[in-house]
């Protein structure tokens, strides 16, 4: 068995980070909105930092739960989410604004819904 309170705390941090990504990416309508202005680049930088934190947190959850929690929610590409963290962290100057934009549009909401469901499930709601 794993430390449920620790996992819940990490999941809540992930949830908060996902909400920040949604909020910060809201005014971004195309990838160039990230790259065509200093404020767009600041948004891109901030969002990438949050993706790094989320990926690291997911790795921690996977370790703490011996791989047993994330696997229960198979609709999410957990390996991809953790791998995206590695790409950003280790190849930051090669980060593609198009890819970040695509992930913000297509992957953040499903991940957010799943993380909220995980929290509810762990709380027994």
N, C-alpha and C. Protein backbone atom coordinates (compact mmCIF):
# COMPACT_ATOMS: atom_id res chain seq x y z
N UNK A 1 0.85 -1.19 0.00
CA UNK A 1 0.00 0.00 0.00
C UNK A 1 0.89 1.24 0.00
N UNK A 2 0.36 2.33 -0.49
CA UNK A 2 1.13 3.56 -0.60
C UNK A 2 0.55 4.63 0.31
N UNK A 3 1.33 5.69 0.51
CA UNK A 3 0.92 6.82 1.34
C UNK A 3 -0.12 7.65 0.59
N UNK A 4 -1.39 7.38 0.88
CA UNK A 4 -2.49 8.03 0.17
C UNK A 4 -2.47 9.54 0.33
N UNK A 5 -2.15 10.03 1.52
CA UNK A 5 -2.14 11.48 1.75
C UNK A 5 -1.06 12.16 0.92
N UNK A 6 0.09 11.51 0.79
CA UNK A 6 1.17 12.07 -0.02
C UNK A 6 0.75 12.11 -1.49
N UNK A 7 0.16 11.04 -1.98
CA UNK A 7 -0.29 10.99 -3.38
C UNK A 7 -1.38 12.02 -3.61
N UNK A 8 -2.31 12.16 -2.69
CA UNK A 8 -3.35 13.19 -2.82
C UNK A 8 -2.75 14.59 -2.89
N UNK A 9 -1.76 14.84 -2.07
CA UNK A 9 -1.10 16.14 -2.07
C UNK A 9 -0.45 16.41 -3.43
N UNK A 10 0.22 15.42 -3.97
CA UNK A 10 0.86 15.58 -5.28
C UNK A 10 -0.19 15.76 -6.37
N UNK A 11 -1.26 14.99 -6.32
CA UNK A 11 -2.33 15.13 -7.32
C UNK A 11 -2.96 16.52 -7.27
N UNK A 12 -3.11 17.06 -6.08
CA UNK A 12 -3.67 18.41 -5.96
C UNK A 12 -2.71 19.44 -6.56
N UNK A 13 -1.41 19.24 -6.40
CA UNK A 13 -0.44 20.14 -7.01
C UNK A 13 -0.52 20.05 -8.53
N UNK A 14 -0.66 18.85 -9.05
CA UNK A 14 -0.80 18.65 -10.49
C UNK A 14 -2.07 19.35 -10.98
N UNK A 15 -3.16 19.16 -10.24
CA UNK A 15 -4.43 19.79 -10.61
C UNK A 15 -4.28 21.31 -10.67
N UNK A 16 -3.63 21.88 -9.69
CA UNK A 16 -3.41 23.32 -9.66
C UNK A 16 -2.56 23.77 -10.85
N UNK A 17 -1.53 23.01 -11.16
CA UNK A 17 -0.66 23.35 -12.30
C UNK A 17 -1.43 23.27 -13.61
N UNK A 18 -2.29 22.27 -13.76
CA UNK A 18 -3.10 22.15 -14.97
C UNK A 18 -4.07 23.31 -15.11
N UNK A 19 -4.64 23.76 -14.01
CA UNK A 19 -5.54 24.92 -14.05
C UNK A 19 -4.77 26.17 -14.48
N UNK A 20 -3.53 26.32 -14.01
CA UNK A 20 -2.71 27.46 -14.42
C UNK A 20 -2.40 27.39 -15.91
N UNK A 21 -2.10 26.19 -16.41
CA UNK A 21 -1.83 26.04 -17.84
C UNK A 21 -3.06 26.43 -18.64
N UNK A 22 -4.23 25.96 -18.21
CA UNK A 22 -5.46 26.32 -18.93
C UNK A 22 -5.66 27.83 -18.94
N UNK A 23 -5.46 28.46 -17.82
CA UNK A 23 -5.64 29.91 -17.71
C UNK A 23 -4.62 30.67 -18.55
N UNK A 24 -3.37 30.26 -18.47
CA UNK A 24 -2.32 30.97 -19.19
C UNK A 24 -2.38 30.75 -20.70
N UNK A 25 -2.91 29.61 -21.11
CA UNK A 25 -2.97 29.33 -22.55
C UNK A 25 -4.27 29.82 -23.19
N UNK A 26 -5.21 30.27 -22.38
CA UNK A 26 -6.50 30.72 -22.90
C UNK A 26 -6.39 31.78 -23.98
N UNK A 27 -5.52 32.80 -23.84
CA UNK A 27 -5.43 33.81 -24.90
C UNK A 27 -4.60 33.37 -26.11
N UNK A 28 -4.07 32.17 -26.07
CA UNK A 28 -3.24 31.66 -27.16
C UNK A 28 -4.15 30.91 -28.13
N UNK A 29 -4.28 31.42 -29.36
CA UNK A 29 -5.18 30.82 -30.34
C UNK A 29 -4.45 30.06 -31.44
N UNK A 30 -3.19 30.41 -31.65
CA UNK A 30 -2.34 29.69 -32.59
C UNK A 30 -0.93 29.67 -31.98
N UNK A 31 -0.10 28.74 -32.43
CA UNK A 31 1.24 28.59 -31.85
C UNK A 31 2.06 29.87 -31.94
N UNK A 32 1.84 30.63 -33.00
CA UNK A 32 2.59 31.86 -33.17
C UNK A 32 2.28 32.89 -32.08
N UNK A 33 1.14 32.75 -31.41
CA UNK A 33 0.85 33.65 -30.30
C UNK A 33 1.88 33.49 -29.19
N UNK A 34 2.49 32.32 -29.11
CA UNK A 34 3.59 32.10 -28.16
C UNK A 34 4.86 32.80 -28.64
N UNK A 35 5.15 32.70 -29.91
CA UNK A 35 6.47 33.08 -30.41
C UNK A 35 6.58 34.48 -30.98
N UNK A 36 5.47 35.14 -31.21
CA UNK A 36 5.52 36.44 -31.89
C UNK A 36 5.63 37.65 -30.97
N UNK A 37 5.71 37.43 -29.68
CA UNK A 37 5.84 38.57 -28.76
C UNK A 37 6.56 38.14 -27.49
N UNK A 38 7.18 39.10 -26.82
CA UNK A 38 7.82 38.77 -25.54
C UNK A 38 6.83 38.21 -24.52
N UNK A 39 5.60 38.73 -24.48
CA UNK A 39 4.63 38.22 -23.51
C UNK A 39 4.21 36.79 -23.87
N UNK A 40 4.12 36.51 -25.17
CA UNK A 40 3.82 35.15 -25.59
C UNK A 40 4.93 34.19 -25.20
N UNK A 41 6.18 34.62 -25.36
CA UNK A 41 7.31 33.78 -24.96
C UNK A 41 7.32 33.55 -23.45
N UNK A 42 6.93 34.57 -22.68
CA UNK A 42 6.83 34.40 -21.23
C UNK A 42 5.77 33.36 -20.89
N UNK A 43 4.65 33.39 -21.60
CA UNK A 43 3.60 32.38 -21.39
C UNK A 43 4.14 30.99 -21.72
N UNK A 44 4.84 30.88 -22.85
CA UNK A 44 5.41 29.60 -23.25
C UNK A 44 6.39 29.10 -22.19
N UNK A 45 7.26 29.97 -21.73
CA UNK A 45 8.22 29.59 -20.69
C UNK A 45 7.51 29.11 -19.43
N UNK A 46 6.50 29.87 -19.00
CA UNK A 46 5.78 29.50 -17.78
C UNK A 46 5.03 28.19 -17.92
N UNK A 47 4.40 28.00 -19.06
CA UNK A 47 3.66 26.76 -19.31
C UNK A 47 4.62 25.58 -19.36
N UNK A 48 5.77 25.76 -20.01
CA UNK A 48 6.74 24.67 -20.07
C UNK A 48 7.24 24.30 -18.68
N UNK A 49 7.45 25.30 -17.83
CA UNK A 49 7.89 25.02 -16.46
C UNK A 49 6.84 24.21 -15.72
N UNK A 50 5.57 24.53 -15.94
CA UNK A 50 4.50 23.77 -15.30
C UNK A 50 4.45 22.34 -15.84
N UNK A 51 4.67 22.15 -17.14
CA UNK A 51 4.72 20.80 -17.70
C UNK A 51 5.87 20.00 -17.09
N UNK A 52 7.00 20.64 -16.85
CA UNK A 52 8.12 19.96 -16.20
C UNK A 52 7.71 19.51 -14.80
N UNK A 53 7.08 20.40 -14.05
CA UNK A 53 6.64 20.07 -12.69
C UNK A 53 5.62 18.94 -12.70
N UNK A 54 4.68 18.98 -13.64
CA UNK A 54 3.66 17.93 -13.74
C UNK A 54 4.32 16.59 -14.06
N UNK A 55 5.21 16.58 -15.04
CA UNK A 55 5.88 15.34 -15.41
C UNK A 55 6.68 14.75 -14.27
N UNK A 56 7.37 15.60 -13.53
CA UNK A 56 8.15 15.12 -12.38
C UNK A 56 7.22 14.58 -11.30
N UNK A 57 6.12 15.27 -11.06
CA UNK A 57 5.15 14.81 -10.06
C UNK A 57 4.55 13.47 -10.46
N UNK A 58 4.27 13.29 -11.73
CA UNK A 58 3.73 12.00 -12.19
C UNK A 58 4.74 10.89 -11.99
N UNK A 59 6.00 11.18 -12.24
CA UNK A 59 7.05 10.18 -12.00
C UNK A 59 7.08 9.81 -10.52
N UNK A 60 6.94 10.81 -9.65
CA UNK A 60 6.93 10.55 -8.21
C UNK A 60 5.74 9.69 -7.81
N UNK A 61 4.57 10.00 -8.34
CA UNK A 61 3.38 9.20 -8.04
C UNK A 61 3.59 7.76 -8.49
N UNK A 62 4.13 7.60 -9.68
CA UNK A 62 4.35 6.25 -10.21
C UNK A 62 5.31 5.47 -9.32
N UNK A 63 6.32 6.15 -8.82
CA UNK A 63 7.30 5.51 -7.94
C UNK A 63 6.66 5.16 -6.58
N UNK A 64 5.96 6.13 -6.01
CA UNK A 64 5.35 5.93 -4.69
C UNK A 64 4.33 4.79 -4.72
N UNK A 65 3.59 4.68 -5.82
CA UNK A 65 2.52 3.67 -5.91
C UNK A 65 2.99 2.39 -6.62
N UNK A 66 4.28 2.28 -6.86
CA UNK A 66 4.84 1.11 -7.56
C UNK A 66 4.14 0.85 -8.89
N UNK A 67 3.77 1.92 -9.57
CA UNK A 67 3.15 1.81 -10.88
C UNK A 67 1.71 1.34 -10.87
N UNK A 68 1.10 1.28 -9.70
CA UNK A 68 -0.25 0.72 -9.60
C UNK A 68 -1.37 1.74 -9.73
N UNK A 69 -1.11 3.01 -9.55
CA UNK A 69 -2.20 4.00 -9.61
C UNK A 69 -2.44 4.49 -11.03
N UNK A 70 -1.42 4.97 -11.68
CA UNK A 70 -1.60 5.54 -13.01
C UNK A 70 -2.16 4.51 -13.98
N UNK A 71 -1.77 3.28 -13.82
CA UNK A 71 -2.23 2.22 -14.73
C UNK A 71 -3.74 2.00 -14.65
N UNK A 72 -4.35 2.44 -13.57
CA UNK A 72 -5.81 2.31 -13.44
C UNK A 72 -6.57 3.30 -14.34
N UNK A 73 -5.86 4.28 -14.85
CA UNK A 73 -6.47 5.33 -15.66
C UNK A 73 -5.81 5.31 -17.04
N UNK A 74 -6.12 4.27 -17.77
CA UNK A 74 -5.41 3.94 -19.01
C UNK A 74 -5.72 4.89 -20.18
N UNK A 75 -6.73 5.75 -20.04
CA UNK A 75 -7.06 6.67 -21.13
C UNK A 75 -5.99 7.74 -21.32
N UNK A 76 -5.16 7.93 -20.32
CA UNK A 76 -4.11 8.95 -20.38
C UNK A 76 -2.79 8.29 -20.75
N UNK A 77 -2.06 8.94 -21.63
CA UNK A 77 -0.72 8.49 -22.01
C UNK A 77 0.27 8.99 -20.96
N UNK A 78 0.36 8.28 -19.86
CA UNK A 78 1.22 8.68 -18.75
C UNK A 78 2.68 8.71 -19.17
N UNK A 79 3.09 7.71 -19.92
CA UNK A 79 4.48 7.65 -20.38
C UNK A 79 4.79 8.88 -21.24
N UNK A 80 3.85 9.25 -22.10
CA UNK A 80 4.02 10.44 -22.93
C UNK A 80 4.11 11.71 -22.10
N UNK A 81 3.28 11.82 -21.06
CA UNK A 81 3.29 13.01 -20.20
C UNK A 81 4.63 13.13 -19.47
N UNK A 82 5.12 12.00 -18.97
CA UNK A 82 6.41 12.02 -18.28
C UNK A 82 7.55 12.25 -19.27
N UNK A 83 7.42 11.70 -20.46
CA UNK A 83 8.44 11.89 -21.48
C UNK A 83 8.50 13.32 -21.98
N UNK A 84 7.34 13.98 -22.05
CA UNK A 84 7.31 15.38 -22.47
C UNK A 84 8.10 16.23 -21.48
N UNK A 85 8.00 15.90 -20.21
CA UNK A 85 8.79 16.59 -19.19
C UNK A 85 10.28 16.45 -19.50
N UNK A 86 10.70 15.26 -19.87
CA UNK A 86 12.11 15.03 -20.17
C UNK A 86 12.56 15.83 -21.38
N UNK A 87 11.71 15.89 -22.40
CA UNK A 87 12.05 16.65 -23.60
C UNK A 87 12.24 18.13 -23.26
N UNK A 88 11.30 18.68 -22.52
CA UNK A 88 11.39 20.10 -22.17
C UNK A 88 12.61 20.36 -21.29
N UNK A 89 12.82 19.50 -20.30
CA UNK A 89 13.90 19.72 -19.34
C UNK A 89 15.28 19.56 -19.97
N UNK A 90 15.42 18.61 -20.87
CA UNK A 90 16.74 18.29 -21.39
C UNK A 90 17.03 18.89 -22.76
N UNK A 91 15.99 19.34 -23.45
CA UNK A 91 16.17 19.91 -24.79
C UNK A 91 15.37 21.20 -24.91
N UNK A 92 15.47 22.06 -23.88
CA UNK A 92 14.61 23.22 -23.81
C UNK A 92 14.71 24.10 -25.05
N UNK A 93 15.92 24.27 -25.58
CA UNK A 93 16.09 25.17 -26.72
C UNK A 93 15.51 24.58 -28.01
N UNK A 94 15.12 23.32 -27.96
CA UNK A 94 14.50 22.68 -29.12
C UNK A 94 12.99 22.53 -28.97
N UNK A 95 12.42 23.11 -27.91
CA UNK A 95 10.98 22.99 -27.68
C UNK A 95 10.23 23.63 -28.84
N UNK A 96 9.25 22.90 -29.33
CA UNK A 96 8.45 23.33 -30.48
C UNK A 96 7.15 23.96 -29.96
N UNK A 97 6.96 25.25 -30.23
CA UNK A 97 5.75 25.96 -29.78
C UNK A 97 4.50 25.31 -30.34
N UNK A 98 4.56 24.76 -31.54
CA UNK A 98 3.41 24.06 -32.13
C UNK A 98 3.01 22.86 -31.28
N UNK A 99 4.01 22.11 -30.82
CA UNK A 99 3.74 20.93 -30.00
C UNK A 99 3.14 21.33 -28.65
N UNK A 100 3.71 22.36 -28.05
CA UNK A 100 3.17 22.84 -26.76
C UNK A 100 1.74 23.32 -26.96
N UNK A 101 1.49 24.07 -28.01
CA UNK A 101 0.13 24.55 -28.30
C UNK A 101 -0.82 23.37 -28.47
N UNK A 102 -0.42 22.37 -29.27
CA UNK A 102 -1.26 21.20 -29.51
C UNK A 102 -1.59 20.48 -28.20
N UNK A 103 -0.61 20.33 -27.36
CA UNK A 103 -0.82 19.66 -26.07
C UNK A 103 -1.77 20.48 -25.19
N UNK A 104 -1.60 21.79 -25.19
CA UNK A 104 -2.51 22.65 -24.40
C UNK A 104 -3.95 22.49 -24.88
N UNK A 105 -4.14 22.42 -26.19
CA UNK A 105 -5.48 22.34 -26.76
C UNK A 105 -6.09 20.95 -26.59
N UNK A 106 -5.30 19.90 -26.79
CA UNK A 106 -5.85 18.54 -26.87
C UNK A 106 -5.62 17.65 -25.65
N UNK A 107 -4.61 17.91 -24.86
CA UNK A 107 -4.25 16.98 -23.80
C UNK A 107 -4.49 17.48 -22.38
N UNK A 108 -4.46 18.79 -22.19
CA UNK A 108 -4.55 19.33 -20.83
C UNK A 108 -5.91 19.06 -20.19
N UNK A 109 -6.99 19.32 -20.90
CA UNK A 109 -8.32 19.10 -20.32
C UNK A 109 -8.58 17.63 -19.95
N UNK A 110 -8.30 16.67 -20.85
CA UNK A 110 -8.50 15.28 -20.46
C UNK A 110 -7.64 14.88 -19.25
N UNK A 111 -6.41 15.39 -19.21
CA UNK A 111 -5.55 15.08 -18.06
C UNK A 111 -6.13 15.70 -16.79
N UNK A 112 -6.61 16.92 -16.90
CA UNK A 112 -7.20 17.60 -15.75
C UNK A 112 -8.42 16.85 -15.22
N UNK A 113 -9.28 16.41 -16.12
CA UNK A 113 -10.47 15.64 -15.73
C UNK A 113 -10.05 14.35 -15.02
N UNK A 114 -9.04 13.69 -15.55
CA UNK A 114 -8.58 12.43 -14.97
C UNK A 114 -7.96 12.65 -13.60
N UNK A 115 -7.16 13.69 -13.45
CA UNK A 115 -6.54 13.97 -12.15
C UNK A 115 -7.62 14.26 -11.11
N UNK A 116 -8.63 15.03 -11.48
CA UNK A 116 -9.74 15.30 -10.55
C UNK A 116 -10.45 13.99 -10.16
N UNK A 117 -10.63 13.11 -11.13
CA UNK A 117 -11.27 11.80 -10.87
C UNK A 117 -10.39 10.97 -9.94
N UNK A 118 -9.10 11.00 -10.14
CA UNK A 118 -8.18 10.27 -9.27
C UNK A 118 -8.29 10.76 -7.83
N UNK A 119 -8.36 12.07 -7.67
CA UNK A 119 -8.50 12.66 -6.33
C UNK A 119 -9.80 12.18 -5.70
N UNK A 120 -10.89 12.27 -6.45
CA UNK A 120 -12.19 11.81 -5.94
C UNK A 120 -12.14 10.33 -5.56
N UNK A 121 -11.55 9.52 -6.40
CA UNK A 121 -11.47 8.08 -6.14
C UNK A 121 -10.67 7.80 -4.88
N UNK A 122 -9.55 8.50 -4.70
CA UNK A 122 -8.74 8.27 -3.51
C UNK A 122 -9.43 8.76 -2.24
N UNK A 123 -10.28 9.77 -2.39
CA UNK A 123 -11.04 10.26 -1.24
C UNK A 123 -12.29 9.41 -0.97
N UNK A 124 -12.59 8.50 -1.90
CA UNK A 124 -13.76 7.64 -1.73
C UNK A 124 -15.06 8.31 -2.02
N UNK A 125 -15.04 9.31 -2.89
CA UNK A 125 -16.29 10.04 -3.22
C UNK A 125 -17.01 9.36 -4.35
